[in-house]
Amino acid sequence: MQIPAELAERPPQSTLAWAAHAVGPTARVLRVRRLRNAWAAAMHAIDIADGNATHRLVLRRWARTDFGPDTGVVQNERAALVLLADARSITAPRFVAADPDASAADVPALLMTRLPGRHRLAPADVDRWLDDLVATLHAIHEQPLPSSVLGEYRPWTSDYEEPPEWTRDPGAWQALLDAAREPVPATALGLCHRDFWPGNVLWQRNRVSGIVDWTHACRGPAAVDVAHCGANIAWLFGVDAADEFARRYGSVEELPRFQLLEVAGWGLEPADVWRWHDARRADLTFALMTERVDEFVGRAARRVG
């Protein structure tokens, strides 16, 4: 499967006009280009001129016809970006405008500033890369969070009703399914990015330059972010690298349980490999990814007991 057409198509003129007007009444769009490494929503870099100033922005549009936005997701990201506007240790995009009901844009949309840097999914120095991810995640979890700003963490619905056909460890996957049916472990709550993984961290000149995609930010356990990032690291570099990431982060409550919950919410099918190829990891095959996720689930299941 190739990238869904809705993600690759240029935003319609009406939506670009809305984005320009959000900057200023006489502003105009100079350039538009698709951003890679986006699968749930269409992402485009937009340069908008307003007088002598050029504003470098990002437009997120929930354009997929087969994958609609969760209720309130645009408002949630707006709330997260406003919260982080004054953060000292976290660099996040600045909120510019939102159209959650698609009253002006073609689909629900959010406009934000564009941060410098690029994601790194194939770093030359994996050891330093892991340290940077750990330090960045600690900065997120140490950010003060007023209790009324974001909603509380809820696991994503499991994409599996039974162990997948491709697994070589159905017992571990049954433990995953059992964990997904149990109440969420009671742990301390703080700022949780909810989709923290290397593709949402930007680097510039060998330093982290920002964290993006705050769509599902919430008040949640630290273990959710550690588990989610670890599962992605397992896909990218193997389960030993994921374990090393968790070790460097430090002890968190109920990590194995949350590792199972995070994988439960991800459907892994052969057609999904395009996402990784679009993010410039064409070396990842479905066979390799299923082998690694099997090992990740197996280790987590054994640690749960």
Protein backbone atom coordinates (compact mmCIF):
# COMPACT_ATOMS: atom_id res chain seq x y z
CA MET A 1 0.00 0.00 0.00
CA GLN A 2 1.18 3.51 -0.82
CA ILE A 3 0.61 6.59 1.29
CA PRO A 4 -3.12 7.43 1.39
CA ALA A 5 -3.96 10.03 -1.24
CA GLU A 6 -5.52 12.37 1.31
CA LEU A 7 -2.14 12.75 3.03
CA ALA A 8 -0.22 13.59 -0.13
CA GLU A 9 -2.66 15.97 -1.82
CA ARG A 10 -2.09 19.70 -1.59
CA PRO A 11 -4.56 21.41 0.78
CA PRO A 12 -7.41 23.07 -1.14
CA GLN A 13 -7.27 26.79 -1.77
CA SER A 14 -10.07 27.50 0.71
CA THR A 15 -8.04 25.94 3.53
CA LEU A 16 -4.89 27.79 2.52
CA ALA A 17 -6.89 31.01 2.51
CA TRP A 18 -8.09 30.26 6.05
CA ALA A 19 -4.50 29.67 7.16
CA ALA A 20 -3.31 32.91 5.57
CA HIS A 21 -6.14 34.93 7.13
CA ALA A 22 -5.23 33.51 10.55
CA VAL A 23 -1.86 35.26 10.14
CA GLY A 24 -3.25 38.55 8.84
CA PRO A 25 -6.00 40.01 6.64
CA THR A 26 -3.60 40.65 3.75
CA ALA A 27 -1.28 37.65 4.30
CA ARG A 28 -0.64 35.26 1.42
CA VAL A 29 0.72 31.73 1.05
CA LEU A 30 4.18 31.54 -0.51
CA ARG A 31 5.04 27.84 -0.38
CA VAL A 32 3.42 24.53 0.56
CA ARG A 33 5.11 21.15 0.90
CA ARG A 34 4.09 17.83 2.40
CA LEU A 35 5.84 16.70 5.55
CA ARG A 36 6.89 13.07 5.78
CA ASN A 37 6.30 10.84 8.78
CA ALA A 38 2.59 11.59 9.12
CA TRP A 39 -0.08 8.93 8.90
CA ALA A 40 -3.18 9.85 10.92
CA ALA A 41 -3.43 13.41 9.62
CA ALA A 42 -2.11 15.31 6.61
CA MET A 43 0.85 17.54 7.52
CA HIS A 44 2.11 20.40 5.35
CA ALA A 45 4.77 23.02 5.88
CA ILE A 46 3.40 26.40 4.84
CA ASP A 47 5.28 29.67 4.43
CA ILE A 48 2.98 32.69 4.73
CA ALA A 49 4.02 36.26 3.95
CA ASP A 50 2.50 39.11 5.95
CA GLY A 51 4.07 42.41 4.95
CA ASN A 52 7.82 42.07 5.32
CA ALA A 53 7.57 39.03 7.62
CA THR A 54 7.48 35.39 6.56
CA HIS A 55 5.79 32.97 8.96
CA ARG A 56 6.94 29.35 8.80
CA LEU A 57 4.01 27.24 9.90
CA VAL A 58 2.66 23.70 9.93
CA LEU A 59 -0.89 22.82 8.94
CA ARG A 60 -2.36 19.62 10.37
CA ARG A 61 -5.53 18.42 8.63
CA TRP A 62 -7.54 15.36 9.63
CA ALA A 63 -8.16 14.51 6.01
CA ARG A 64 -8.19 10.70 5.93
CA THR A 65 -11.62 9.37 5.01
CA ASP A 66 -10.88 6.02 6.68
CA PHE A 67 -9.37 7.44 9.87
CA GLY A 68 -11.35 10.31 11.31
CA PRO A 69 -10.19 12.47 14.21
CA ASP A 70 -11.02 11.52 17.78
CA THR A 71 -13.64 13.73 19.41
CA GLY A 72 -12.07 16.89 20.75
CA VAL A 73 -8.62 16.14 19.38
CA VAL A 74 -8.12 19.57 17.79
CA GLN A 75 -9.14 21.36 20.98
CA ASN A 76 -6.89 19.06 23.00
CA GLU A 77 -3.79 19.86 20.96
CA ARG A 78 -4.60 23.55 21.14
CA ALA A 79 -4.82 23.30 24.94
CA ALA A 80 -1.50 21.44 25.11
CA LEU A 81 0.32 23.99 22.92
CA VAL A 82 -1.06 26.90 24.93
CA LEU A 83 0.05 25.18 28.13
CA LEU A 84 3.57 24.69 26.79
CA ALA A 85 3.96 28.20 25.39
CA ASP A 86 5.78 29.35 28.54
CA ALA A 87 7.64 26.11 29.26
CA ARG A 88 11.35 26.66 29.83
CA SER A 89 12.68 23.14 29.32
CA ILE A 90 10.37 22.03 26.48
CA THR A 91 10.30 23.47 22.96
CA ALA A 92 6.92 22.86 21.34
CA PRO A 93 5.15 24.56 18.44
CA ARG A 94 3.19 27.72 19.18
CA PHE A 95 -0.54 27.63 18.57
CA VAL A 96 -1.74 29.89 15.73
CA ALA A 97 -5.30 28.88 14.82
CA ALA A 98 -7.74 25.98 14.88
CA ASP A 99 -10.87 25.02 13.00
CA PRO A 100 -12.18 21.94 14.85
CA ASP A 101 -15.54 21.95 13.08
CA ALA A 102 -14.18 22.57 9.56
CA SER A 103 -16.25 25.73 9.30
CA ALA A 104 -13.60 27.40 7.13
CA ALA A 105 -11.10 24.66 6.30
CA ASP A 106 -12.04 21.59 4.26
CA VAL A 107 -11.60 19.28 7.28
CA PRO A 108 -10.82 19.80 11.00
CA ALA A 109 -7.49 21.60 11.05
CA LEU A 110 -4.88 23.15 13.29
CA LEU A 111 -2.22 25.72 12.41
CA MET A 112 0.98 26.04 14.45
CA THR A 113 4.50 27.38 14.17
CA ARG A 114 7.17 25.24 12.52
CA LEU A 115 10.13 24.20 14.63
CA PRO A 116 13.65 23.83 13.22
CA GLY A 117 15.18 20.40 12.85
CA ARG A 118 14.27 16.94 11.60
CA HIS A 119 13.42 13.62 13.17
CA ARG A 120 16.17 10.98 13.34
CA LEU A 121 15.11 7.39 12.89
CA ALA A 122 18.53 6.15 11.77
CA PRO A 123 21.05 7.99 13.97
CA ALA A 124 24.76 7.40 13.52
CA ASP A 125 25.29 7.41 17.29
CA VAL A 126 22.48 5.35 18.84
CA ASP A 127 23.99 5.62 22.32
CA ARG A 128 23.81 9.42 22.38
CA TRP A 129 20.43 9.32 20.64
CA LEU A 130 19.02 7.24 23.49
CA ASP A 131 20.41 9.68 26.06
CA ASP A 132 18.80 12.60 24.22
CA LEU A 133 15.43 10.83 24.16
CA VAL A 134 15.65 10.05 27.87
CA ALA A 135 16.55 13.65 28.79
CA THR A 136 13.75 14.99 26.60
CA LEU A 137 11.18 12.69 28.15
CA HIS A 138 12.26 13.62 31.67
CA ALA A 139 11.78 17.28 30.76
CA ILE A 140 8.22 16.55 29.64
CA HIS A 141 7.36 14.62 32.78
CA GLU A 142 8.81 17.32 35.03
CA GLN A 143 6.68 20.04 33.45
CA PRO A 144 4.03 21.35 35.91
CA LEU A 145 0.52 20.46 34.78
CA PRO A 146 -2.61 22.20 36.13
CA SER A 147 -5.20 19.52 36.81
CA SER A 148 -7.90 21.20 34.73
CA VAL A 149 -6.00 21.65 31.47
CA LEU A 150 -5.90 18.19 29.88
CA GLY A 151 -8.02 15.08 30.19
CA GLU A 152 -6.90 11.92 31.95
CA TYR A 153 -5.17 9.04 30.15
CA ARG A 154 -7.31 6.30 28.69
CA PRO A 155 -5.83 3.35 26.77
CA TRP A 156 -6.56 3.15 23.10
CA THR A 157 -9.02 0.42 22.20
CA SER A 158 -7.30 -2.87 21.50
CA ASP A 159 -6.96 -3.67 17.80
CA TYR A 160 -6.82 -7.39 18.60
CA GLU A 161 -9.54 -9.77 19.77
CA GLU A 162 -7.21 -12.76 19.61
CA PRO A 163 -3.49 -13.28 19.05
CA PRO A 164 -2.53 -12.24 15.50
CA GLU A 165 -2.00 -14.97 12.94
CA TRP A 166 1.64 -14.03 12.42
CA THR A 167 2.76 -14.34 16.04
CA ARG A 168 5.14 -17.09 17.12
CA ASP A 169 4.26 -16.50 20.78
CA PRO A 170 0.45 -16.69 21.14
CA GLY A 171 0.75 -17.16 24.91
CA ALA A 172 2.40 -13.75 25.31
CA TRP A 173 -0.26 -12.16 23.14
CA GLN A 174 -2.97 -13.75 25.24
CA ALA A 175 -1.38 -12.07 28.26
CA LEU A 176 -1.53 -8.81 26.30
CA LEU A 177 -5.24 -9.31 25.60
CA ASP A 178 -5.88 -10.11 29.26
CA ALA A 179 -4.04 -6.95 30.33
CA ALA A 180 -6.10 -4.86 27.92
CA ARG A 181 -9.32 -6.09 29.59
CA GLU A 182 -8.19 -5.21 33.10
CA PRO A 183 -8.55 -1.81 34.81
CA VAL A 184 -5.74 0.65 34.14
CA PRO A 185 -3.13 0.45 36.92
CA ALA A 186 -3.46 3.27 39.45
CA THR A 187 -0.28 5.36 39.28
CA ALA A 188 0.79 8.97 39.74
CA LEU A 189 -0.30 11.27 36.90
CA GLY A 190 1.62 14.09 35.23
CA LEU A 191 2.07 15.56 31.78
CA CYS A 192 2.02 12.68 29.31
CA HIS A 193 2.81 13.32 25.65
CA ARG A 194 0.97 10.09 24.79
CA ASP A 195 2.67 9.68 21.39
CA PHE A 196 6.28 10.17 22.40
CA TRP A 197 8.57 8.36 19.99
CA PRO A 198 11.68 9.31 17.96
CA GLY A 199 9.58 10.47 15.01
CA ASN A 200 8.06 13.23 17.14
CA VAL A 201 11.41 14.53 18.39
CA LEU A 202 13.34 16.97 16.20
CA TRP A 203 17.13 17.38 16.14
CA GLN A 204 19.25 20.22 14.83
CA ARG A 205 23.06 20.39 15.03
CA ASN A 206 23.11 17.20 17.13
CA ARG A 207 20.76 18.65 19.74
CA VAL A 208 17.06 18.16 20.36
CA SER A 209 15.34 21.20 18.89
CA GLY A 210 11.74 20.42 19.76
CA ILE A 211 8.92 17.97 20.41
CA VAL A 212 5.93 17.88 18.08
CA ASP A 213 2.53 16.16 17.76
CA TRP A 214 0.83 16.96 21.06
CA THR A 215 -2.51 15.73 19.69
CA HIS A 216 -3.16 13.20 22.46
CA ALA A 217 -1.36 14.89 25.36
CA CYS A 218 -3.01 14.12 28.67
CA ARG A 219 -2.61 13.71 32.40
CA GLY A 220 -1.17 10.23 32.53
CA PRO A 221 1.46 7.87 33.95
CA ALA A 222 5.10 8.34 32.98
CA ALA A 223 5.14 4.65 32.06
CA VAL A 224 2.84 5.31 29.08
CA ASP A 225 5.44 7.46 27.33
CA VAL A 226 8.30 5.12 28.27
CA ALA A 227 6.34 2.12 26.97
CA HIS A 228 5.21 3.82 23.77
CA CYS A 229 8.67 5.08 22.89
CA GLY A 230 10.25 1.77 23.83
CA ALA A 231 7.97 -0.18 21.51
CA ASN A 232 8.92 2.11 18.62
CA ILE A 233 12.62 1.78 19.46
CA ALA A 234 12.16 -2.00 19.40
CA TRP A 235 10.81 -1.74 15.86
CA LEU A 236 13.65 0.55 14.81
CA PHE A 237 16.63 -1.14 16.49
CA GLY A 238 15.47 -4.25 18.36
CA VAL A 239 14.23 -5.06 21.83
CA ASP A 240 17.62 -4.76 23.53
CA ALA A 241 17.70 -1.08 22.53
CA ALA A 242 14.18 -0.64 23.91
CA ASP A 243 15.22 -2.20 27.22
CA GLU A 244 18.26 0.06 27.36
CA PHE A 245 16.06 3.11 26.82
CA ALA A 246 13.82 2.08 29.71
CA ARG A 247 16.81 1.36 31.94
CA ARG A 248 18.30 4.79 31.27
CA TYR A 249 14.99 6.51 31.95
CA GLY A 250 14.78 4.89 35.37
CA SER A 251 12.14 3.09 37.38
CA VAL A 252 8.49 3.78 36.57
CA GLU A 253 5.39 2.17 38.00
CA GLU A 254 3.79 -0.73 36.14
CA LEU A 255 5.96 -0.41 33.02
CA PRO A 256 5.40 -3.99 31.71
CA ARG A 257 1.62 -3.58 31.98
CA PHE A 258 1.72 -0.35 30.02
CA GLN A 259 4.02 -1.91 27.43
CA LEU A 260 1.31 -4.48 26.76
CA LEU A 261 -1.42 -1.83 26.71
CA GLU A 262 0.46 0.29 24.19
CA VAL A 263 1.04 -2.57 21.76
CA ALA A 264 -2.60 -3.64 22.16
CA GLY A 265 -3.68 -0.32 20.67
CA TRP A 266 -1.60 -0.73 17.51
CA GLY A 267 -2.86 -2.85 14.64
CA LEU A 268 0.12 -4.20 12.71
CA GLU A 269 -0.66 -5.28 9.18
CA PRO A 270 1.51 -5.66 6.06
CA ALA A 271 -0.13 -2.58 4.55
CA ASP A 272 1.14 -0.42 7.43
CA VAL A 273 4.79 -0.67 6.43
CA TRP A 274 4.42 2.36 4.14
CA ARG A 275 4.47 4.56 7.25
CA TRP A 276 8.03 3.56 8.07
CA HIS A 277 9.16 3.74 4.47
CA ASP A 278 7.71 7.25 4.19
CA ALA A 279 9.78 8.16 7.26
CA ARG A 280 12.90 6.99 5.39
CA ARG A 281 13.29 3.59 7.04
CA ALA A 282 12.82 1.46 3.93
CA ASP A 283 14.86 -1.30 5.56
CA LEU A 284 11.98 -2.18 7.88
CA THR A 285 9.95 -5.08 6.53
CA PHE A 286 6.76 -6.58 7.90
CA ALA A 287 8.62 -9.79 8.79
CA LEU A 288 11.27 -7.90 10.76
CA MET A 289 8.70 -5.74 12.56
CA THR A 290 6.55 -8.71 13.61
CA GLU A 291 9.63 -10.53 14.86
CA ARG A 292 10.63 -7.56 16.99
CA VAL A 293 7.17 -6.81 18.34
CA ASP A 294 6.76 -10.50 19.22
CA GLU A 295 9.93 -10.32 21.31
CA PHE A 296 8.86 -7.02 22.89
CA VAL A 297 5.46 -8.45 23.88
CA GLY A 298 7.06 -11.68 25.12
CA ARG A 299 9.47 -9.88 27.44
CA ALA A 300 6.75 -7.59 28.78
CA ALA A 301 4.41 -10.55 29.40
CA ARG A 302 7.07 -12.41 31.35
CA ARG A 303 7.80 -9.33 33.46
CA VAL A 304 4.12 -8.92 34.30
CA GLY A 305 4.32 -12.42 35.68
